[in-house]
Amino acid sequence: MKKLFVAFFLYLLLPNIAMSTHMDKVLFLEIVKTGDIREKNFLRLYLKGILHGIEASNMTLIKDGNRPLFCNPQDIPLTIDWLIDNLLAYFARYPLIPDSISIPVVASYTMKDKFPCAKVIGQ
């Protein structure tokens, strides 16, 4: 009886579980250009998570003695608006980026391009 109850409970919940997918170039550009306020707020929240994740990954690389993905700028605050502007500029600079590429991947390359670290001889 207990298994039946659990199965029925899961059956009721399944239609309400959102399928998570990555945000790709097409969706990003669509929301930036024509999204309503709700979509733009979602985009800002999504990008905030990406920005924090990239910064956390970078700090972990440094902590573990590895080469960082990017060198933190001292004079530029990394904000969501900054990330949106720079993602748009990156897409304009590299128009052959596939439409299906994930925004976190492009964001990490954007950070790496924008704030490169000095190369150490021998690495």
N, C-alpha and C. Protein backbone atom coordinates (compact mmCIF):
# COMPACT_ATOMS: atom_id res chain seq x y z
N MET A 1 0.82 -1.19 0.00
CA MET A 1 0.00 0.00 0.00
C MET A 1 0.87 1.27 0.00
N LYS A 2 1.95 1.21 0.78
CA LYS A 2 2.85 2.36 0.87
C LYS A 2 3.48 2.65 -0.50
N LYS A 3 3.89 1.61 -1.23
CA LYS A 3 4.48 1.80 -2.56
C LYS A 3 3.46 2.41 -3.52
N LEU A 4 2.23 1.98 -3.41
CA LEU A 4 1.17 2.52 -4.26
C LEU A 4 0.96 4.01 -3.99
N PHE A 5 0.99 4.38 -2.71
CA PHE A 5 0.82 5.78 -2.33
C PHE A 5 1.97 6.63 -2.88
N VAL A 6 3.21 6.14 -2.75
CA VAL A 6 4.39 6.87 -3.24
C VAL A 6 4.31 7.01 -4.76
N ALA A 7 3.95 5.94 -5.45
CA ALA A 7 3.83 5.99 -6.91
C ALA A 7 2.77 6.99 -7.34
N PHE A 8 1.63 6.99 -6.65
CA PHE A 8 0.56 7.93 -6.98
C PHE A 8 1.01 9.37 -6.73
N PHE A 9 1.72 9.60 -5.61
CA PHE A 9 2.22 10.93 -5.27
C PHE A 9 3.19 11.43 -6.35
N LEU A 10 4.10 10.56 -6.80
CA LEU A 10 5.05 10.94 -7.85
C LEU A 10 4.33 11.22 -9.16
N TYR A 11 3.30 10.43 -9.44
CA TYR A 11 2.51 10.64 -10.66
C TYR A 11 1.88 12.03 -10.66
N LEU A 12 1.41 12.47 -9.50
CA LEU A 12 0.80 13.79 -9.41
C LEU A 12 1.83 14.91 -9.57
N LEU A 13 3.05 14.66 -9.10
CA LEU A 13 4.08 15.70 -9.15
C LEU A 13 4.76 15.82 -10.51
N LEU A 14 4.86 14.74 -11.26
CA LEU A 14 5.63 14.76 -12.50
C LEU A 14 5.21 15.85 -13.48
N PRO A 15 3.93 16.11 -13.71
CA PRO A 15 3.60 17.17 -14.66
C PRO A 15 4.04 18.56 -14.20
N ASN A 16 4.30 18.72 -12.92
CA ASN A 16 4.68 20.03 -12.39
C ASN A 16 6.19 20.24 -12.32
N ILE A 17 6.96 19.21 -12.61
CA ILE A 17 8.41 19.33 -12.57
C ILE A 17 8.88 19.93 -13.90
N ALA A 18 9.58 21.04 -13.83
CA ALA A 18 10.07 21.70 -15.05
C ALA A 18 11.29 20.97 -15.57
N MET A 19 11.32 20.77 -16.85
CA MET A 19 12.49 20.18 -17.48
C MET A 19 13.55 21.27 -17.57
N SER A 20 14.72 20.97 -17.06
CA SER A 20 15.76 21.99 -17.13
C SER A 20 16.56 21.80 -18.42
N THR A 21 16.78 22.89 -19.10
CA THR A 21 17.59 22.88 -20.31
C THR A 21 18.57 24.03 -20.21
N HIS A 22 19.60 23.96 -21.01
CA HIS A 22 20.56 25.06 -21.01
C HIS A 22 20.01 26.20 -21.85
N MET A 23 20.51 27.37 -21.56
CA MET A 23 20.16 28.53 -22.38
C MET A 23 21.19 28.61 -23.49
N ASP A 24 20.73 28.62 -24.72
CA ASP A 24 21.65 28.69 -25.85
C ASP A 24 21.68 30.11 -26.42
N LYS A 25 22.49 30.28 -27.44
CA LYS A 25 22.68 31.59 -28.07
C LYS A 25 21.35 32.16 -28.57
N VAL A 26 20.55 31.34 -29.23
CA VAL A 26 19.29 31.81 -29.80
C VAL A 26 18.35 32.33 -28.71
N LEU A 27 18.20 31.56 -27.65
CA LEU A 27 17.30 31.97 -26.56
C LEU A 27 17.81 33.23 -25.88
N PHE A 28 19.11 33.30 -25.64
CA PHE A 28 19.71 34.49 -25.02
C PHE A 28 19.42 35.74 -25.85
N LEU A 29 19.71 35.67 -27.15
CA LEU A 29 19.51 36.83 -28.02
C LEU A 29 18.03 37.19 -28.13
N GLU A 30 17.18 36.19 -28.15
CA GLU A 30 15.74 36.46 -28.22
C GLU A 30 15.25 37.19 -26.98
N ILE A 31 15.69 36.74 -25.81
CA ILE A 31 15.25 37.40 -24.57
C ILE A 31 15.81 38.82 -24.49
N VAL A 32 17.07 38.99 -24.85
CA VAL A 32 17.68 40.33 -24.79
C VAL A 32 16.95 41.30 -25.72
N LYS A 33 16.61 40.84 -26.92
CA LYS A 33 16.02 41.73 -27.92
C LYS A 33 14.51 41.93 -27.74
N THR A 34 13.78 40.85 -27.46
CA THR A 34 12.32 40.96 -27.48
C THR A 34 11.64 40.40 -26.23
N GLY A 35 12.41 40.06 -25.23
CA GLY A 35 11.81 39.45 -24.04
C GLY A 35 10.99 40.44 -23.22
N ASP A 36 9.96 39.91 -22.57
CA ASP A 36 9.18 40.75 -21.66
C ASP A 36 9.91 40.87 -20.32
N ILE A 37 9.34 41.59 -19.39
CA ILE A 37 10.03 41.86 -18.12
C ILE A 37 10.28 40.58 -17.33
N ARG A 38 9.33 39.64 -17.41
CA ARG A 38 9.49 38.38 -16.68
C ARG A 38 10.66 37.57 -17.26
N GLU A 39 10.75 37.52 -18.58
CA GLU A 39 11.84 36.80 -19.23
C GLU A 39 13.19 37.47 -18.96
N LYS A 40 13.20 38.79 -18.98
CA LYS A 40 14.46 39.50 -18.71
C LYS A 40 14.90 39.34 -17.26
N ASN A 41 13.94 39.28 -16.34
CA ASN A 41 14.29 39.02 -14.94
C ASN A 41 14.85 37.62 -14.77
N PHE A 42 14.26 36.65 -15.48
CA PHE A 42 14.79 35.29 -15.45
C PHE A 42 16.21 35.26 -16.00
N LEU A 43 16.42 35.96 -17.12
CA LEU A 43 17.75 36.01 -17.73
C LEU A 43 18.76 36.59 -16.75
N ARG A 44 18.40 37.65 -16.07
CA ARG A 44 19.32 38.28 -15.11
C ARG A 44 19.66 37.30 -13.98
N LEU A 45 18.67 36.58 -13.49
CA LEU A 45 18.92 35.59 -12.43
C LEU A 45 19.82 34.48 -12.94
N TYR A 46 19.55 34.00 -14.14
CA TYR A 46 20.34 32.95 -14.76
C TYR A 46 21.80 33.39 -14.92
N LEU A 47 21.99 34.60 -15.44
CA LEU A 47 23.34 35.12 -15.66
C LEU A 47 24.07 35.38 -14.35
N LYS A 48 23.33 35.76 -13.32
CA LYS A 48 23.96 35.96 -12.01
C LYS A 48 24.55 34.64 -11.51
N GLY A 49 23.81 33.56 -11.70
CA GLY A 49 24.32 32.24 -11.32
C GLY A 49 25.54 31.84 -12.13
N ILE A 50 25.51 32.14 -13.43
CA ILE A 50 26.66 31.83 -14.28
C ILE A 50 27.88 32.61 -13.84
N LEU A 51 27.69 33.90 -13.61
CA LEU A 51 28.81 34.76 -13.20
C LEU A 51 29.41 34.28 -11.88
N HIS A 52 28.57 33.95 -10.92
CA HIS A 52 29.06 33.45 -9.63
C HIS A 52 29.76 32.11 -9.80
N GLY A 53 29.21 31.25 -10.67
CA GLY A 53 29.83 29.94 -10.91
C GLY A 53 31.20 30.06 -11.55
N ILE A 54 31.32 30.95 -12.52
CA ILE A 54 32.62 31.14 -13.19
C ILE A 54 33.63 31.72 -12.20
N GLU A 55 33.21 32.68 -11.39
CA GLU A 55 34.12 33.25 -10.39
C GLU A 55 34.53 32.20 -9.37
N ALA A 56 33.59 31.36 -8.94
CA ALA A 56 33.92 30.31 -7.96
C ALA A 56 34.87 29.29 -8.57
N SER A 57 34.64 28.92 -9.83
CA SER A 57 35.53 27.97 -10.51
C SER A 57 36.92 28.56 -10.64
N ASN A 58 36.99 29.83 -10.95
CA ASN A 58 38.28 30.50 -11.09
C ASN A 58 39.04 30.49 -9.76
N MET A 59 38.33 30.78 -8.69
CA MET A 59 38.98 30.80 -7.36
C MET A 59 39.45 29.40 -6.97
N THR A 60 38.68 28.38 -7.34
CA THR A 60 39.08 27.00 -7.05
C THR A 60 40.35 26.64 -7.82
N LEU A 61 40.41 27.04 -9.09
CA LEU A 61 41.62 26.79 -9.87
C LEU A 61 42.84 27.43 -9.20
N ILE A 62 42.70 28.67 -8.77
CA ILE A 62 43.80 29.38 -8.12
C ILE A 62 44.17 28.70 -6.82
N LYS A 63 43.16 28.36 -6.02
CA LYS A 63 43.40 27.72 -4.72
C LYS A 63 44.14 26.40 -4.88
N ASP A 64 43.82 25.65 -5.93
CA ASP A 64 44.45 24.35 -6.16
C ASP A 64 45.79 24.45 -6.88
N GLY A 65 46.25 25.68 -7.12
CA GLY A 65 47.55 25.88 -7.74
C GLY A 65 47.55 25.75 -9.25
N ASN A 66 46.38 25.79 -9.85
CA ASN A 66 46.28 25.71 -11.31
C ASN A 66 46.18 27.11 -11.91
N ARG A 67 46.39 27.16 -13.21
CA ARG A 67 46.27 28.44 -13.92
C ARG A 67 44.81 28.86 -13.94
N PRO A 68 44.51 30.11 -13.58
CA PRO A 68 43.12 30.56 -13.58
C PRO A 68 42.57 30.72 -15.00
N LEU A 69 41.26 30.67 -15.09
CA LEU A 69 40.57 30.88 -16.36
C LEU A 69 40.75 32.32 -16.82
N PHE A 70 40.67 33.24 -15.87
CA PHE A 70 40.85 34.66 -16.16
C PHE A 70 41.46 35.31 -14.94
N CYS A 71 42.03 36.51 -15.12
CA CYS A 71 42.59 37.25 -14.00
C CYS A 71 41.61 38.34 -13.61
N ASN A 72 41.16 38.31 -12.37
CA ASN A 72 40.13 39.24 -11.90
C ASN A 72 40.55 40.69 -12.13
N PRO A 73 39.68 41.44 -12.75
CA PRO A 73 39.97 42.86 -12.94
C PRO A 73 39.81 43.60 -11.62
N GLN A 74 40.69 44.53 -11.36
CA GLN A 74 40.61 45.29 -10.12
C GLN A 74 39.75 46.53 -10.26
N ASP A 75 39.61 47.01 -11.50
CA ASP A 75 38.93 48.28 -11.71
C ASP A 75 37.57 48.17 -12.38
N ILE A 76 37.14 46.96 -12.72
CA ILE A 76 35.85 46.77 -13.39
C ILE A 76 34.98 45.85 -12.55
N PRO A 77 33.85 46.34 -12.08
CA PRO A 77 32.95 45.46 -11.33
C PRO A 77 32.25 44.50 -12.30
N LEU A 78 32.28 43.22 -11.98
CA LEU A 78 31.64 42.22 -12.83
C LEU A 78 30.16 42.13 -12.45
N THR A 79 29.33 42.79 -13.25
CA THR A 79 27.90 42.83 -12.98
C THR A 79 27.15 42.07 -14.08
N ILE A 80 25.89 41.87 -13.87
CA ILE A 80 25.06 41.20 -14.87
C ILE A 80 24.98 42.05 -16.14
N ASP A 81 24.82 43.35 -15.98
CA ASP A 81 24.78 44.23 -17.16
C ASP A 81 26.10 44.16 -17.94
N TRP A 82 27.20 44.12 -17.21
CA TRP A 82 28.50 43.97 -17.86
C TRP A 82 28.55 42.67 -18.66
N LEU A 83 28.06 41.58 -18.06
CA LEU A 83 28.10 40.28 -18.73
C LEU A 83 27.21 40.29 -19.99
N ILE A 84 26.02 40.85 -19.89
CA ILE A 84 25.13 40.92 -21.06
C ILE A 84 25.80 41.70 -22.19
N ASP A 85 26.33 42.87 -21.88
CA ASP A 85 27.00 43.70 -22.90
C ASP A 85 28.17 42.97 -23.55
N ASN A 86 28.94 42.27 -22.73
CA ASN A 86 30.12 41.59 -23.26
C ASN A 86 29.77 40.30 -24.00
N LEU A 87 28.70 39.63 -23.61
CA LEU A 87 28.23 38.48 -24.38
C LEU A 87 27.76 38.93 -25.77
N LEU A 88 27.01 40.03 -25.81
CA LEU A 88 26.56 40.57 -27.10
C LEU A 88 27.75 40.96 -27.98
N ALA A 89 28.76 41.58 -27.38
CA ALA A 89 29.96 41.96 -28.14
C ALA A 89 30.72 40.72 -28.62
N TYR A 90 30.76 39.68 -27.80
CA TYR A 90 31.45 38.44 -28.17
C TYR A 90 30.75 37.78 -29.36
N PHE A 91 29.41 37.75 -29.31
CA PHE A 91 28.66 37.19 -30.44
C PHE A 91 28.85 38.01 -31.70
N ALA A 92 28.94 39.33 -31.57
CA ALA A 92 29.17 40.18 -32.73
C ALA A 92 30.57 39.95 -33.30
N ARG A 93 31.55 39.75 -32.43
CA ARG A 93 32.93 39.54 -32.85
C ARG A 93 33.12 38.17 -33.50
N TYR A 94 32.37 37.18 -33.03
CA TYR A 94 32.49 35.81 -33.55
C TYR A 94 31.12 35.33 -34.04
N PRO A 95 30.69 35.79 -35.21
CA PRO A 95 29.34 35.48 -35.69
C PRO A 95 29.12 34.01 -36.06
N LEU A 96 30.19 33.24 -36.21
CA LEU A 96 30.03 31.84 -36.58
C LEU A 96 29.84 30.91 -35.37
N ILE A 97 29.71 31.49 -34.18
CA ILE A 97 29.42 30.66 -33.01
C ILE A 97 28.09 29.96 -33.26
N PRO A 98 28.04 28.65 -33.07
CA PRO A 98 26.79 27.91 -33.33
C PRO A 98 25.64 28.40 -32.45
N ASP A 99 24.43 28.34 -33.02
CA ASP A 99 23.24 28.77 -32.28
C ASP A 99 22.97 27.92 -31.05
N SER A 100 23.41 26.69 -31.06
CA SER A 100 23.10 25.77 -29.97
C SER A 100 24.11 25.81 -28.82
N ILE A 101 25.11 26.66 -28.91
CA ILE A 101 26.12 26.71 -27.85
C ILE A 101 25.52 27.24 -26.56
N SER A 102 25.95 26.67 -25.48
CA SER A 102 25.44 27.03 -24.16
C SER A 102 26.03 28.37 -23.70
N ILE A 103 25.20 29.20 -23.13
CA ILE A 103 25.63 30.52 -22.67
C ILE A 103 26.74 30.44 -21.61
N PRO A 104 26.71 29.49 -20.66
CA PRO A 104 27.84 29.41 -19.72
C PRO A 104 29.19 29.18 -20.41
N VAL A 105 29.20 28.42 -21.48
CA VAL A 105 30.45 28.20 -22.23
C VAL A 105 30.93 29.51 -22.83
N VAL A 106 30.03 30.23 -23.47
CA VAL A 106 30.40 31.51 -24.09
C VAL A 106 30.82 32.52 -23.02
N ALA A 107 30.14 32.51 -21.89
CA ALA A 107 30.49 33.43 -20.80
C ALA A 107 31.90 33.15 -20.30
N SER A 108 32.28 31.89 -20.18
CA SER A 108 33.64 31.59 -19.71
C SER A 108 34.68 32.03 -20.72
N TYR A 109 34.41 31.85 -22.02
CA TYR A 109 35.34 32.32 -23.04
C TYR A 109 35.38 33.85 -23.09
N THR A 110 34.25 34.48 -22.84
CA THR A 110 34.21 35.94 -22.79
C THR A 110 35.11 36.45 -21.68
N MET A 111 35.01 35.84 -20.51
CA MET A 111 35.84 36.25 -19.37
C MET A 111 37.32 36.02 -19.68
N LYS A 112 37.61 34.87 -20.28
CA LYS A 112 39.00 34.55 -20.61
C LYS A 112 39.57 35.54 -21.62
N ASP A 113 38.77 35.91 -22.62
CA ASP A 113 39.21 36.88 -23.63
C ASP A 113 39.36 38.28 -23.04
N LYS A 114 38.42 38.66 -22.20
CA LYS A 114 38.39 40.03 -21.68
C LYS A 114 39.47 40.27 -20.63
N PHE A 115 39.76 39.25 -19.82
CA PHE A 115 40.72 39.41 -18.72
C PHE A 115 41.77 38.30 -18.75
N PRO A 116 42.60 38.28 -19.79
CA PRO A 116 43.62 37.23 -19.86
C PRO A 116 44.68 37.40 -18.78
N CYS A 117 45.25 36.29 -18.39
CA CYS A 117 46.34 36.33 -17.42
C CYS A 117 47.66 36.35 -18.18
N ALA A 118 48.64 36.99 -17.57
CA ALA A 118 49.97 37.02 -18.19
C ALA A 118 50.52 35.60 -18.23
N LYS A 119 51.11 35.26 -19.36
CA LYS A 119 51.67 33.91 -19.50
C LYS A 119 53.00 33.85 -18.77
N VAL A 120 53.18 32.76 -18.06
CA VAL A 120 54.44 32.54 -17.36
C VAL A 120 55.31 31.69 -18.26
N ILE A 121 56.55 32.12 -18.43
CA ILE A 121 57.49 31.38 -19.29
C ILE A 121 57.68 29.99 -18.71
N GLY A 122 57.59 29.00 -19.59
CA GLY A 122 57.74 27.61 -19.15
C GLY A 122 56.42 26.90 -18.96
N GLN A 123 55.30 27.61 -19.17
CA GLN A 123 53.99 26.96 -19.04
C GLN A 123 53.30 26.89 -20.37
